[in-house]
Amino acid sequence: VFAPDGRLFALCYDGNVLQLQDTDGDGLPDAARHFYRNDKNEILPSVGMCWGPGGLYIASQGRVLRLRDKGDGTGELETVTSGWPEPTGKAGSNLDAIGLATSPAGEIFFGLGCDDWREAYRVNKTTGNSEYNLHSERGTILKISPDGKKREVVCTGVRFTVGLAFNGAGDLFATDQEGATWLPNGNPLDELLHIQSGRHYGFPPRHPKYQPDVIDEPSTFDYGPQHQSTCGLHFNDGKNVFGPDWWRGDAFIAGESRGKIWRTKLVKTAAGYVAKTDLIAGLKHLAIDAVPTPDGGLLVACHTGKPDWGTGPQGKGKLFKISCSDKAA
């Protein structure tokens, strides 16, 4: 992510947070120093980072963290919020809070992984009844007030919202992974969701016995075929956009498992957003993020190794910068 002043930060698999610098002025970062050194393993494997009031925010296991910007090139670790219920079924790497975005008003939005990704309705084998709790904080998007004192549920029915971002109109979007892989009446594809207060997004979906009292909000766009693993989400809204001018405002989405980068154009209508997507890149690495740079490039964060699992936690990540040399093409 880029800070408002243009500084570039990278969150590593091992919890270290780096500030990347271009020391020779050629437009490419060539040096990295620790903004936060995770020697005590206080930052567990995390996915989700944004710049917000006072510093750099990270969605982690059991809490949302802030690295308060000390002004000397380092950050001081603080807990912003915590205390939600643990999941009944833990996901890979025990991911918990996931995906972060800051609103123009300074509110922090983050996703909290679903209660049990393998058994979404949580059917009690003895009674045959569902123990899914629509009023739990799990499987929701949550909002934290700018002062960090208030936390509230925005919407329900999400699975793992790895990417969150506000577009230029101030609307919140999220990428949700494999909406209902194990549910026969749900959407099995990765989704782009327009997050609206009070809505339910279909994980788990409406069911005549287990979940009769919800209305499933449709996704804005579905990325197929199955198991694309949509992760990074950023809007092309900077002073210098990546690509031709008519790409302004479009969303860039990274599909990790298959090494894909999509450009999705969104149009707001009276009936909600409609979308059109073009695949703009296919990589031989797992692409976890693709963020427009202040100078009009696209910075792509990759996990090494071929799709779909790569080289694991010990593999070295790679960063690539894509430039558009002919905007009239």
Protein backbone atom coordinates (compact mmCIF):
# COMPACT_ATOMS: atom_id res chain seq x y z
CA VAL A 1 0.00 0.00 0.00
CA PHE A 2 0.97 3.63 -0.51
CA ALA A 3 0.71 6.20 2.26
CA PRO A 4 -0.89 9.56 1.38
CA ASP A 5 2.62 11.06 1.08
CA GLY A 6 3.66 8.41 -1.46
CA ARG A 7 5.66 6.09 0.80
CA LEU A 8 5.35 2.42 -0.16
CA PHE A 9 4.84 -0.34 2.42
CA ALA A 10 4.91 -4.13 2.08
CA LEU A 11 3.50 -6.67 4.54
CA CYS A 12 5.46 -9.94 4.58
CA TYR A 13 4.29 -13.47 5.30
CA ASP A 14 6.45 -13.50 8.45
CA GLY A 15 4.86 -10.35 9.89
CA ASN A 16 7.69 -7.97 9.06
CA VAL A 17 6.55 -4.66 7.57
CA LEU A 18 8.92 -3.00 5.13
CA GLN A 19 9.12 0.52 3.75
CA LEU A 20 10.40 0.40 0.18
CA GLN A 21 12.43 3.25 -1.27
CA ASP A 22 13.65 4.37 -4.67
CA THR A 23 17.15 5.62 -3.82
CA ASP A 24 18.43 6.32 -7.35
CA GLY A 25 15.33 7.99 -8.83
CA ASP A 26 14.75 5.49 -11.64
CA GLY A 27 11.13 4.86 -10.63
CA LEU A 28 11.75 1.42 -9.11
CA PRO A 29 12.11 0.70 -5.37
CA ASP A 30 15.61 -0.65 -4.79
CA ALA A 31 15.94 -0.57 -0.99
CA ALA A 32 13.84 -1.91 1.88
CA ARG A 33 14.05 -1.13 5.57
CA HIS A 34 11.93 -2.30 8.46
CA PHE A 35 9.03 -0.08 9.39
CA TYR A 36 8.29 -2.77 11.96
CA ARG A 37 10.61 -5.67 12.79
CA ASN A 38 8.53 -8.66 13.89
CA ASP A 39 11.24 -10.31 15.99
CA LYS A 40 8.80 -11.27 18.78
CA ASN A 41 6.21 -12.67 16.33
CA GLU A 42 3.56 -10.25 17.53
CA ILE A 43 2.14 -9.96 14.01
CA LEU A 44 0.90 -13.42 12.99
CA PRO A 45 0.36 -14.34 9.30
CA SER A 46 -1.97 -11.59 8.05
CA VAL A 47 -3.64 -10.44 4.86
CA GLY A 48 -5.01 -6.90 4.79
CA MET A 49 -3.33 -3.54 5.21
CA CYS A 50 -4.30 0.09 4.71
CA TRP A 51 -3.16 3.53 5.71
CA GLY A 52 -5.53 5.22 8.16
CA PRO A 53 -5.65 7.78 10.98
CA GLY A 54 -2.22 7.88 12.65
CA GLY A 55 -0.50 5.10 10.79
CA LEU A 56 -0.60 1.73 9.07
CA TYR A 57 -3.44 -0.67 9.93
CA ILE A 58 -3.19 -4.47 9.65
CA ALA A 59 -5.95 -7.10 9.88
CA SER A 60 -4.54 -9.99 11.88
CA GLN A 61 -5.51 -12.97 13.99
CA GLY A 62 -7.78 -11.91 16.82
CA ARG A 63 -7.21 -8.18 16.43
CA VAL A 64 -6.81 -5.21 14.16
CA LEU A 65 -3.40 -3.60 14.65
CA ARG A 66 -2.01 -0.16 14.01
CA LEU A 67 1.63 0.65 13.46
CA ARG A 68 1.57 4.21 14.74
CA ASP A 69 3.83 6.30 12.55
CA LYS A 70 6.58 7.61 14.87
CA GLY A 71 7.95 9.90 12.18
CA ASP A 72 11.43 8.36 12.29
CA GLY A 73 10.85 5.67 9.69
CA THR A 74 9.44 3.14 12.17
CA GLY A 75 6.04 2.23 13.60
CA GLU A 76 4.92 1.41 17.13
CA LEU A 77 2.56 -1.57 17.46
CA GLU A 78 -0.88 -0.94 18.99
CA THR A 79 -4.13 -2.95 19.18
CA VAL A 80 -7.07 -1.03 17.71
CA THR A 81 -9.82 -3.58 18.38
CA SER A 82 -10.16 -7.24 19.39
CA GLY A 83 -12.39 -9.58 21.39
CA TRP A 84 -14.61 -11.18 18.76
CA PRO A 85 -15.53 -14.90 18.98
CA GLU A 86 -13.07 -17.44 17.62
CA PRO A 87 -14.25 -19.41 14.58
CA THR A 88 -15.67 -22.89 15.00
CA GLY A 89 -13.57 -24.10 12.06
CA LYS A 90 -10.22 -22.43 11.44
CA ALA A 91 -9.02 -21.71 7.91
CA GLY A 92 -5.53 -22.04 6.46
CA SER A 93 -2.86 -20.15 8.43
CA ASN A 94 -5.67 -19.47 10.94
CA LEU A 95 -6.64 -16.33 9.02
CA ASP A 96 -9.23 -14.37 10.98
CA ALA A 97 -9.67 -10.64 10.42
CA ILE A 98 -8.94 -10.11 6.75
CA GLY A 99 -9.01 -7.15 4.35
CA LEU A 100 -8.96 -3.47 5.36
CA ALA A 101 -10.07 -0.12 3.97
CA THR A 102 -10.32 3.44 5.30
CA SER A 103 -13.33 5.61 4.53
CA PRO A 104 -12.95 9.31 3.66
CA ALA A 105 -14.23 10.02 7.20
CA GLY A 106 -11.40 8.00 8.78
CA GLU A 107 -13.47 4.94 9.69
CA ILE A 108 -11.73 1.56 9.42
CA PHE A 109 -13.61 -1.26 7.70
CA PHE A 110 -12.45 -4.86 7.89
CA GLY A 111 -13.75 -8.34 7.17
CA LEU A 112 -14.06 -11.12 9.72
CA GLY A 113 -13.87 -14.65 8.31
CA CYS A 114 -16.92 -16.89 8.51
CA ASP A 115 -17.57 -19.15 11.49
CA ASP A 116 -16.94 -22.45 9.72
CA TRP A 117 -15.99 -22.43 6.04
CA ARG A 118 -16.56 -26.21 5.75
CA GLU A 119 -20.00 -26.29 7.45
CA ALA A 120 -21.56 -22.88 6.92
CA TYR A 121 -25.01 -23.72 8.33
CA ARG A 122 -23.43 -25.41 11.36
CA VAL A 123 -26.05 -28.17 11.44
CA ASN A 124 -26.22 -29.96 14.78
CA LYS A 125 -25.95 -33.67 13.97
CA THR A 126 -28.15 -34.58 16.96
CA THR A 127 -31.00 -32.13 16.51
CA GLY A 128 -30.72 -31.50 12.77
CA ASN A 129 -31.07 -27.76 13.40
CA SER A 130 -28.78 -24.99 12.22
CA GLU A 131 -26.57 -23.26 14.79
CA TYR A 132 -25.51 -20.52 12.39
CA ASN A 133 -25.87 -17.18 14.18
CA LEU A 134 -26.89 -14.33 11.91
CA HIS A 135 -26.15 -11.88 14.73
CA SER A 136 -22.56 -13.01 15.29
CA GLU A 137 -19.67 -10.81 14.18
CA ARG A 138 -18.21 -13.73 12.25
CA GLY A 139 -18.75 -13.69 8.48
CA THR A 140 -19.32 -9.93 8.43
CA ILE A 141 -17.82 -6.60 7.43
CA LEU A 142 -17.19 -4.49 10.55
CA LYS A 143 -16.70 -0.77 10.98
CA ILE A 144 -14.46 0.86 13.58
CA SER A 145 -14.99 4.51 14.50
CA PRO A 146 -12.03 6.85 13.89
CA ASP A 147 -11.27 6.93 17.63
CA GLY A 148 -11.30 3.12 17.79
CA LYS A 149 -13.91 3.03 20.58
CA LYS A 150 -16.90 1.71 18.62
CA ARG A 151 -17.22 -1.41 16.47
CA GLU A 152 -20.36 -2.34 14.57
CA VAL A 153 -21.51 -4.86 11.95
CA VAL A 154 -22.11 -3.40 8.50
CA CYS A 155 -23.33 -6.53 6.66
CA THR A 156 -23.51 -10.31 7.01
CA GLY A 157 -23.08 -13.36 4.79
CA VAL A 158 -19.48 -13.00 3.63
CA ARG A 159 -16.87 -15.77 3.63
CA PHE A 160 -13.30 -14.38 3.38
CA THR A 161 -13.18 -10.79 2.10
CA VAL A 162 -9.47 -10.54 1.31
CA GLY A 163 -9.67 -7.18 -0.50
CA LEU A 164 -11.62 -4.08 0.57
CA ALA A 165 -11.51 -0.69 -1.14
CA PHE A 166 -13.54 2.47 -1.62
CA ASN A 167 -14.08 3.73 -5.16
CA GLY A 168 -14.07 7.36 -6.24
CA ALA A 169 -17.79 7.68 -5.47
CA GLY A 170 -17.17 6.67 -1.86
CA ASP A 171 -18.78 3.22 -2.17
CA LEU A 172 -17.18 0.20 -0.47
CA PHE A 173 -16.34 -2.95 -2.42
CA ALA A 174 -14.90 -6.31 -1.38
CA THR A 175 -13.54 -9.43 -3.05
CA ASP A 176 -14.98 -12.58 -1.46
CA GLN A 177 -13.33 -15.93 -2.04
CA GLU A 178 -15.29 -18.89 -3.45
CA GLY A 179 -18.67 -17.75 -2.24
CA ALA A 180 -20.27 -21.16 -1.57
CA THR A 181 -17.91 -23.92 -2.62
CA TRP A 182 -19.55 -26.59 -0.41
CA LEU A 183 -23.15 -25.38 -0.58
CA PRO A 184 -25.28 -26.68 -3.45
CA ASN A 185 -27.61 -23.66 -3.52
CA GLY A 186 -24.91 -20.97 -3.33
CA ASN A 187 -22.57 -19.21 -5.75
CA PRO A 188 -19.32 -21.19 -6.09
CA LEU A 189 -17.38 -18.43 -7.85
CA ASP A 190 -15.18 -15.69 -6.41
CA GLU A 191 -17.14 -12.49 -6.09
CA LEU A 192 -16.82 -8.72 -6.27
CA LEU A 193 -19.34 -7.28 -3.82
CA HIS A 194 -20.73 -3.79 -3.39
CA ILE A 195 -20.94 -3.64 0.41
CA GLN A 196 -24.10 -1.98 1.69
CA SER A 197 -25.35 -1.66 5.25
CA GLY A 198 -27.80 -4.32 6.42
CA ARG A 199 -27.41 -6.64 3.43
CA HIS A 200 -26.66 -10.39 3.45
CA TYR A 201 -24.25 -11.66 0.78
CA GLY A 202 -25.06 -15.34 0.51
CA PHE A 203 -22.63 -17.27 2.71
CA PRO A 204 -24.51 -19.16 3.84
CA PRO A 205 -27.34 -18.56 1.36
CA ARG A 206 -31.05 -18.55 2.03
CA HIS A 207 -32.30 -22.04 2.92
CA PRO A 208 -35.93 -23.13 3.54
CA LYS A 209 -34.99 -24.83 6.81
CA TYR A 210 -31.62 -23.52 8.01
CA GLN A 211 -31.71 -19.91 6.82
CA PRO A 212 -35.24 -18.87 5.79
CA ASP A 213 -35.16 -15.23 6.92
CA VAL A 214 -32.50 -13.64 4.73
CA ILE A 215 -32.47 -12.15 1.26
CA ASP A 216 -29.23 -12.84 -0.61
CA GLU A 217 -27.71 -9.77 -2.19
CA PRO A 218 -26.34 -10.63 -5.65
CA SER A 219 -22.67 -10.15 -6.39
CA THR A 220 -21.58 -7.34 -8.68
CA PHE A 221 -19.31 -9.64 -10.69
CA ASP A 222 -18.26 -13.31 -10.54
CA TYR A 223 -14.74 -14.41 -11.53
CA GLY A 224 -14.54 -17.86 -13.07
CA PRO A 225 -13.87 -20.63 -13.52
CA GLN A 226 -13.97 -21.81 -9.91
CA HIS A 227 -11.07 -21.29 -7.44
CA GLN A 228 -9.54 -18.11 -8.86
CA SER A 229 -8.94 -16.89 -5.29
CA THR A 230 -9.64 -13.17 -5.68
CA CYS A 231 -7.36 -11.25 -3.34
CA GLY A 232 -6.08 -7.72 -4.03
CA LEU A 233 -8.58 -4.97 -4.85
CA HIS A 234 -7.61 -1.40 -5.75
CA PHE A 235 -9.25 1.36 -7.77
CA ASN A 236 -7.47 3.26 -10.53
CA ASP A 237 -8.31 6.67 -9.07
CA GLY A 238 -4.98 8.45 -8.62
CA LYS A 239 -3.71 11.60 -10.27
CA ASN A 240 -1.84 9.41 -12.76
CA VAL A 241 -3.90 6.36 -13.74
CA PHE A 242 -2.46 3.10 -14.99
CA GLY A 243 -3.25 2.52 -18.65
CA PRO A 244 -5.31 4.74 -20.98
CA ASP A 245 -7.45 7.52 -19.55
CA TRP A 246 -10.66 5.52 -20.05
CA TRP A 247 -9.36 3.05 -17.44
CA ARG A 248 -9.80 5.71 -14.75
CA GLY A 249 -11.94 4.49 -11.87
CA ASP A 250 -11.68 0.83 -12.87
CA ALA A 251 -10.91 -1.84 -10.28
CA PHE A 252 -7.81 -4.01 -10.46
CA ILE A 253 -8.30 -7.45 -8.90
CA ALA A 254 -5.55 -10.02 -8.35
CA GLY A 255 -6.50 -13.70 -8.55
CA GLU A 256 -3.90 -15.49 -6.50
CA SER A 257 -4.42 -19.17 -7.21
CA ARG A 258 -4.29 -18.86 -11.01
CA GLY A 259 -1.98 -15.85 -11.29
CA LYS A 260 -4.57 -13.53 -12.86
CA ILE A 261 -5.03 -9.75 -12.94
CA TRP A 262 -8.41 -8.40 -14.05
CA ARG A 263 -9.61 -4.90 -14.85
CA THR A 264 -13.26 -4.45 -13.91
CA LYS A 265 -15.24 -1.43 -15.08
CA LEU A 266 -18.13 -0.46 -12.84
CA VAL A 267 -21.13 1.69 -13.69
CA LYS A 268 -23.60 2.83 -11.05
CA THR A 269 -27.25 2.62 -12.08
CA ALA A 270 -30.58 3.09 -10.35
CA ALA A 271 -30.65 -0.68 -9.80
CA GLY A 272 -27.11 -0.84 -8.41
CA TYR A 273 -23.69 -1.38 -9.95
CA VAL A 274 -23.17 -3.32 -13.16
CA ALA A 275 -19.74 -4.54 -14.21
CA LYS A 276 -17.67 -5.65 -17.19
CA THR A 277 -14.33 -7.41 -16.74
CA ASP A 278 -11.28 -7.92 -18.94
CA LEU A 279 -8.40 -10.24 -18.10
CA ILE A 280 -5.26 -8.11 -18.55
CA ALA A 281 -2.53 -10.45 -17.28
CA GLY A 282 -1.80 -14.11 -16.62
CA LEU A 283 1.30 -14.77 -14.52
CA LYS A 284 3.47 -17.77 -13.66
CA HIS A 285 3.38 -16.73 -10.01
CA LEU A 286 0.60 -16.42 -7.48
CA ALA A 287 -0.55 -12.78 -7.66
CA ILE A 288 -1.84 -11.54 -4.31
CA ASP A 289 -2.03 -7.79 -4.96
CA ALA A 290 -1.97 -5.27 -7.81
CA VAL A 291 -1.97 -1.61 -6.79
CA PRO A 292 -1.70 1.48 -9.03
CA THR A 293 1.37 3.55 -8.25
CA PRO A 294 1.42 7.36 -7.87
CA ASP A 295 3.40 7.70 -11.13
CA GLY A 296 0.89 5.69 -13.19
CA GLY A 297 2.31 2.19 -12.99
CA LEU A 298 0.92 -1.02 -11.53
CA LEU A 299 2.81 -2.69 -8.70
CA VAL A 300 2.17 -6.43 -8.49
CA ALA A 301 2.97 -8.45 -5.35
CA CYS A 302 3.57 -12.14 -6.03
CA HIS A 303 4.14 -15.25 -3.99
CA THR A 304 6.78 -17.42 -5.65
CA GLY A 305 6.04 -20.78 -7.19
CA LYS A 306 3.58 -21.85 -9.82
CA PRO A 307 -0.18 -21.84 -9.29
CA ASP A 308 -1.92 -22.96 -7.35
CA TRP A 309 -0.08 -23.32 -4.02
CA GLY A 310 3.38 -21.92 -4.74
CA THR A 311 6.39 -22.50 -2.51
CA GLY A 312 4.72 -22.09 0.89
CA PRO A 313 5.47 -19.71 3.76
CA GLN A 314 9.26 -19.97 3.35
CA GLY A 315 9.22 -18.94 -0.30
CA LYS A 316 10.53 -15.52 -1.27
CA GLY A 317 8.00 -13.01 -2.55
CA LYS A 318 8.56 -10.92 -5.66
CA LEU A 319 7.42 -7.44 -6.63
CA PHE A 320 6.95 -6.39 -10.24
CA LYS A 321 6.15 -2.99 -11.68
CA ILE A 322 4.18 -2.84 -14.91
CA SER A 323 4.36 0.38 -16.93
CA CYS A 324 2.14 1.49 -19.79
CA SER A 325 4.44 2.95 -22.44
CA ASP A 326 1.80 3.66 -25.09
CA LYS A 327 -1.47 4.92 -23.65
CA ALA A 328 -2.95 5.24 -27.13
CA ALA A 329 -2.58 1.53 -27.84
